[in-house]
Amino acid sequence: MSAPAGNHSPQLPPTTRWSLVVAAVDKGRSPEEARRAMEELCQIYWWPVLQFILRKGYSLPDAQDLTQDFFVRLSSTEFLKNAHPEKGRFRSLIFASLKHLLLDANDRLQTIKRGGGVTFTQLEPWMEDEILPGGGSSFAARPDEQCFDHDWAALVVRKALKRLQKEFSTRGKDREFSVIRTFLTGGDRGNAYETASSTLNLPLGSLKAIVHRSRARYGALLRDEVAQTVADLRDLEDEIRHLRQILAASPAISDVAIS
């Protein structure tokens, strides 16, 4: 019997990226640790921010410049001093700060084009492949925050899925992952189990056991991705509920259970 991605669910980290930022700000420590944690958080939100700016009608080059500028400013020492993470989720802080940025976006673009821009980071290749021109026309009638949260949820799901894929790949199970992936993301069941069992040359019961454990692992990875964006792990369940609501309203993203 082929082993699944793992039988274990990761324990929630005692500290998360956002809690590191909070601790550094609250305790007046050197901002370096907070800045590194903030940079990692910014990379998590890079894609949703870029998509949001694209929906406002900016060209892809201008949207990329504004996204870079946004995260450079967000990770600055001055911003960290003035941020009050305990008053809201990092997701909410990003959205509020992004709306503020767009108030003077055209002026910022002129500054960037005169050489005032600073490179912060780059999109991962798989994120570049999923950029939607114009931010995706299907969102035109939705409120801004709903659009942003949808992209946040989509990215959380994709990042967790990429992490699980890497675990399979590390063990030389790329083909196994490609076959069972549909069961992780709510694909059509039908006779799919029988077909997958035949494809992988596994007994049906063994395949279902792999899928069951892999779905549990996938759910745990989703929780871990969300956990990184809360200052206090006691807030995690609220964010998980919010993610569930978005997924329930957006079956195209995923209907995977979150353990």
Protein backbone atom coordinates (compact mmCIF):
# COMPACT_ATOMS: atom_id res chain seq x y z
CA MET A 1 0.00 0.00 0.00
CA SER A 2 1.33 3.41 -0.96
CA ALA A 3 1.69 5.77 1.96
CA PRO A 4 -0.15 9.09 2.07
CA ALA A 5 1.39 12.53 2.36
CA GLY A 6 1.54 12.07 6.09
CA ASN A 7 -0.44 10.74 9.00
CA HIS A 8 0.23 13.70 11.20
CA SER A 9 -1.40 17.09 11.51
CA PRO A 10 1.05 19.88 12.34
CA GLN A 11 0.72 21.47 15.73
CA LEU A 12 -0.15 25.13 15.58
CA PRO A 13 3.01 27.19 15.92
CA PRO A 14 3.53 28.87 19.32
CA THR A 15 4.19 32.06 17.36
CA THR A 16 3.02 33.13 13.94
CA ARG A 17 4.41 35.66 11.49
CA TRP A 18 1.91 38.28 12.56
CA SER A 19 2.40 37.60 16.28
CA LEU A 20 6.14 38.15 15.78
CA VAL A 21 5.35 41.57 14.35
CA VAL A 22 3.03 42.33 17.28
CA ALA A 23 5.62 41.23 19.84
CA ALA A 24 8.39 43.30 18.27
CA VAL A 25 6.20 46.41 18.13
CA ASP A 26 4.71 46.02 21.61
CA LYS A 27 8.01 45.28 23.34
CA GLY A 28 10.01 47.93 21.51
CA ARG A 29 12.57 45.46 20.27
CA SER A 30 14.80 45.93 17.24
CA PRO A 31 12.49 46.06 14.21
CA GLU A 32 14.57 43.57 12.21
CA GLU A 33 12.67 40.49 13.39
CA ALA A 34 9.36 42.24 12.81
CA ARG A 35 10.45 43.37 9.36
CA ARG A 36 11.40 39.85 8.32
CA ALA A 37 8.08 38.48 9.56
CA MET A 38 6.23 41.32 7.82
CA GLU A 39 8.00 40.56 4.55
CA GLU A 40 6.86 36.94 4.74
CA LEU A 41 3.30 38.08 5.43
CA CYS A 42 3.46 40.48 2.51
CA GLN A 43 4.45 37.65 0.20
CA ILE A 44 1.33 35.77 1.32
CA TYR A 45 -0.86 38.72 0.31
CA TRP A 46 0.99 39.78 -2.82
CA TRP A 47 -1.37 38.09 -5.26
CA PRO A 48 -4.69 39.30 -3.74
CA VAL A 49 -3.37 42.88 -3.58
CA LEU A 50 -2.24 42.81 -7.20
CA GLN A 51 -5.59 41.37 -8.31
CA PHE A 52 -7.44 44.05 -6.35
CA ILE A 53 -5.47 46.87 -7.99
CA LEU A 54 -6.02 45.35 -11.43
CA ARG A 55 -9.77 45.44 -10.82
CA LYS A 56 -9.49 49.19 -10.35
CA GLY A 57 -8.54 49.50 -14.01
CA TYR A 58 -4.76 49.83 -13.76
CA SER A 59 -2.55 48.21 -16.36
CA LEU A 60 -0.54 45.18 -15.26
CA PRO A 61 2.81 47.13 -15.19
CA ASP A 62 1.25 49.95 -13.14
CA ALA A 63 -0.51 47.47 -10.83
CA GLN A 64 2.78 45.66 -10.24
CA ASP A 65 4.52 48.95 -9.43
CA LEU A 66 1.77 49.95 -7.00
CA THR A 67 1.85 46.53 -5.36
CA GLN A 68 5.61 46.78 -4.88
CA ASP A 69 5.25 50.27 -3.44
CA PHE A 70 2.42 49.20 -1.14
CA PHE A 71 4.43 46.42 0.49
CA VAL A 72 7.60 48.48 0.73
CA ARG A 73 5.66 51.04 2.74
CA LEU A 74 3.83 48.38 4.74
CA SER A 75 7.12 46.84 5.88
CA SER A 76 8.72 50.16 6.80
CA THR A 77 9.79 50.82 10.37
CA GLU A 78 7.49 53.84 10.60
CA PHE A 79 4.44 51.81 9.59
CA LEU A 80 5.29 49.09 12.10
CA LYS A 81 5.50 51.66 14.89
CA ASN A 82 2.07 53.06 14.05
CA ALA A 83 0.33 49.76 13.36
CA HIS A 84 -1.96 48.36 16.03
CA PRO A 85 -2.30 44.67 15.10
CA GLU A 86 -4.36 43.85 18.18
CA LYS A 87 -7.25 45.86 16.74
CA GLY A 88 -7.84 43.54 13.82
CA ARG A 89 -6.73 40.69 11.63
CA PHE A 90 -3.81 41.20 9.31
CA ARG A 91 -6.23 40.60 6.43
CA SER A 92 -8.32 43.57 7.59
CA LEU A 93 -5.25 45.75 8.03
CA ILE A 94 -4.08 44.94 4.51
CA PHE A 95 -7.46 45.82 3.02
CA ALA A 96 -7.78 49.12 4.90
CA SER A 97 -4.20 50.12 4.03
CA LEU A 98 -4.74 49.18 0.40
CA LYS A 99 -7.81 51.40 0.10
CA HIS A 100 -5.79 54.25 1.59
CA LEU A 101 -2.96 53.67 -0.90
CA LEU A 102 -5.31 53.92 -3.85
CA LEU A 103 -6.45 57.39 -2.78
CA ASP A 104 -3.20 58.81 -4.14
CA ALA A 105 -2.25 55.97 -6.46
CA ASN A 106 -1.72 58.19 -9.50
CA ASP A 107 0.67 60.46 -7.58
CA ARG A 108 2.52 57.41 -6.29
CA LEU A 109 2.88 56.08 -9.82
CA GLN A 110 4.47 59.33 -10.95
CA THR A 111 6.95 59.11 -8.07
CA ILE A 112 7.77 55.51 -8.95
CA LYS A 113 8.30 56.38 -12.62
CA ARG A 114 10.73 59.12 -11.58
CA GLY A 115 12.83 56.51 -9.83
CA GLY A 116 11.22 56.54 -6.40
CA GLY A 117 10.19 52.90 -6.44
CA VAL A 118 11.91 50.14 -4.48
CA THR A 119 11.83 46.47 -5.38
CA PHE A 120 10.34 44.52 -2.53
CA THR A 121 9.78 41.00 -3.79
CA GLN A 122 8.60 39.02 -6.77
CA LEU A 123 5.59 36.85 -7.47
CA GLU A 124 6.17 33.14 -7.37
CA PRO A 125 5.99 31.66 -10.91
CA TRP A 126 2.72 29.84 -10.20
CA MET A 127 1.13 33.12 -9.04
CA GLU A 128 2.20 34.88 -12.24
CA ASP A 129 0.41 32.18 -14.24
CA GLU A 130 -2.87 32.97 -12.47
CA ILE A 131 -2.96 36.77 -12.85
CA LEU A 132 -6.33 37.71 -14.33
CA PRO A 133 -6.34 40.64 -16.79
CA GLY A 134 -8.48 43.35 -15.28
CA GLY A 135 -8.68 41.34 -12.08
CA GLY A 136 -11.36 39.04 -13.50
CA SER A 137 -14.59 40.33 -15.00
CA SER A 138 -16.81 38.07 -12.87
CA PHE A 139 -16.18 40.30 -9.83
CA ALA A 140 -17.34 43.56 -11.40
CA ALA A 141 -20.53 43.78 -9.33
CA ARG A 142 -19.12 42.57 -6.02
CA PRO A 143 -18.16 44.87 -3.12
CA ASP A 144 -14.44 45.59 -2.86
CA GLU A 145 -13.94 43.75 0.42
CA GLN A 146 -15.74 40.68 -0.87
CA CYS A 147 -13.48 40.60 -3.95
CA PHE A 148 -10.39 40.95 -1.79
CA ASP A 149 -11.47 38.23 0.63
CA HIS A 150 -12.27 35.89 -2.26
CA ASP A 151 -8.74 36.29 -3.61
CA TRP A 152 -7.32 35.85 -0.12
CA ALA A 153 -9.21 32.57 0.26
CA ALA A 154 -8.15 31.41 -3.20
CA LEU A 155 -4.51 32.08 -2.37
CA VAL A 156 -4.71 30.30 1.00
CA VAL A 157 -6.14 27.24 -0.75
CA ARG A 158 -3.51 27.32 -3.50
CA LYS A 159 -0.62 27.74 -1.06
CA ALA A 160 -1.82 24.82 1.08
CA LEU A 161 -2.24 22.70 -2.03
CA LYS A 162 1.27 23.61 -3.21
CA ARG A 163 2.69 22.62 0.17
CA LEU A 164 0.93 19.26 0.03
CA GLN A 165 2.12 18.72 -3.53
CA LYS A 166 5.68 19.38 -2.41
CA GLU A 167 5.35 16.78 0.35
CA PHE A 168 4.23 14.20 -2.19
CA SER A 169 6.99 15.23 -4.59
CA THR A 170 9.68 14.96 -1.92
CA ARG A 171 8.67 11.33 -1.49
CA GLY A 172 8.63 10.65 -5.22
CA LYS A 173 4.81 10.52 -5.34
CA ASP A 174 4.09 13.15 -7.99
CA ARG A 175 1.88 10.82 -10.03
CA GLU A 176 -0.07 9.78 -6.96
CA PHE A 177 -0.73 13.41 -6.10
CA SER A 178 -1.88 14.27 -9.62
CA VAL A 179 -4.41 11.44 -9.46
CA ILE A 180 -5.86 12.12 -6.00
CA ARG A 181 -5.84 15.92 -6.31
CA THR A 182 -9.42 15.99 -7.58
CA PHE A 183 -10.59 14.37 -4.34
CA LEU A 184 -8.90 17.12 -2.31
CA THR A 185 -10.53 20.02 -4.08
CA GLY A 186 -14.07 18.80 -4.42
CA GLY A 187 -13.92 17.33 -7.89
CA ASP A 188 -16.65 15.10 -9.29
CA ARG A 189 -16.75 11.75 -7.51
CA GLY A 190 -18.88 9.44 -9.68
CA ASN A 191 -16.75 6.45 -10.59
CA ALA A 192 -13.62 8.50 -9.98
CA TYR A 193 -12.43 6.34 -7.08
CA GLU A 194 -12.57 3.19 -9.19
CA THR A 195 -10.76 4.91 -12.04
CA ALA A 196 -8.07 6.31 -9.72
CA SER A 197 -7.66 2.91 -8.07
CA SER A 198 -7.04 1.33 -11.45
CA THR A 199 -4.70 4.11 -12.56
CA LEU A 200 -2.51 3.80 -9.48
CA ASN A 201 -2.87 0.01 -9.32
CA LEU A 202 -4.07 0.21 -5.74
CA PRO A 203 -6.92 -1.59 -3.95
CA LEU A 204 -9.94 0.67 -3.66
CA GLY A 205 -9.78 0.64 0.13
CA SER A 206 -6.12 1.65 0.10
CA LEU A 207 -6.83 4.54 -2.24
CA LYS A 208 -9.68 5.81 -0.08
CA ALA A 209 -7.43 5.65 3.00
CA ILE A 210 -4.79 7.73 1.22
CA VAL A 211 -7.41 10.27 0.15
CA HIS A 212 -8.85 10.46 3.67
CA ARG A 213 -5.47 11.10 5.30
CA SER A 214 -4.40 13.49 2.56
CA ARG A 215 -7.57 15.53 2.97
CA ALA A 216 -6.87 15.75 6.69
CA ARG A 217 -3.32 16.87 5.99
CA TYR A 218 -4.57 19.41 3.45
CA GLY A 219 -7.03 20.80 5.99
CA ALA A 220 -4.24 21.09 8.56
CA LEU A 221 -2.07 22.98 6.08
CA LEU A 222 -4.94 25.36 5.38
CA ARG A 223 -5.25 26.03 9.09
CA ASP A 224 -1.53 26.68 9.32
CA GLU A 225 -1.67 29.17 6.43
CA VAL A 226 -4.50 31.06 8.11
CA ALA A 227 -2.77 30.89 11.51
CA GLN A 228 0.17 32.88 10.18
CA THR A 229 -2.08 35.92 9.72
CA VAL A 230 -3.53 36.22 13.23
CA ALA A 231 -1.80 37.93 16.13
CA ASP A 232 -3.40 35.63 18.69
CA LEU A 233 -4.15 31.98 17.96
CA ARG A 234 -7.39 32.41 19.93
CA ASP A 235 -8.59 34.37 16.89
CA LEU A 236 -7.85 31.50 14.54
CA GLU A 237 -11.29 29.90 14.69
CA ASP A 238 -12.95 33.16 13.64
CA GLU A 239 -10.71 33.35 10.58
CA ILE A 240 -11.31 29.67 9.78
CA ARG A 241 -15.06 30.29 9.91
CA HIS A 242 -14.61 33.24 7.58
CA LEU A 243 -12.61 31.09 5.18
CA ARG A 244 -15.31 28.39 5.28
CA GLN A 245 -17.97 30.98 4.42
CA ILE A 246 -15.98 32.19 1.42
CA LEU A 247 -15.35 28.65 0.20
CA ALA A 248 -19.00 27.74 0.61
CA ALA A 249 -19.97 30.71 -1.55
CA SER A 250 -17.21 30.00 -4.09
CA PRO A 251 -17.26 26.29 -4.99
CA ALA A 252 -14.95 27.04 -7.89
CA ILE A 253 -12.15 27.56 -5.35
CA SER A 254 -12.61 24.42 -3.29
CA ASP A 255 -15.07 22.61 -1.05
CA VAL A 256 -12.32 20.87 0.89
CA ALA A 257 -13.05 20.24 4.55
CA ILE A 258 -10.91 22.14 7.05
CA SER A 259 -9.99 19.89 9.92
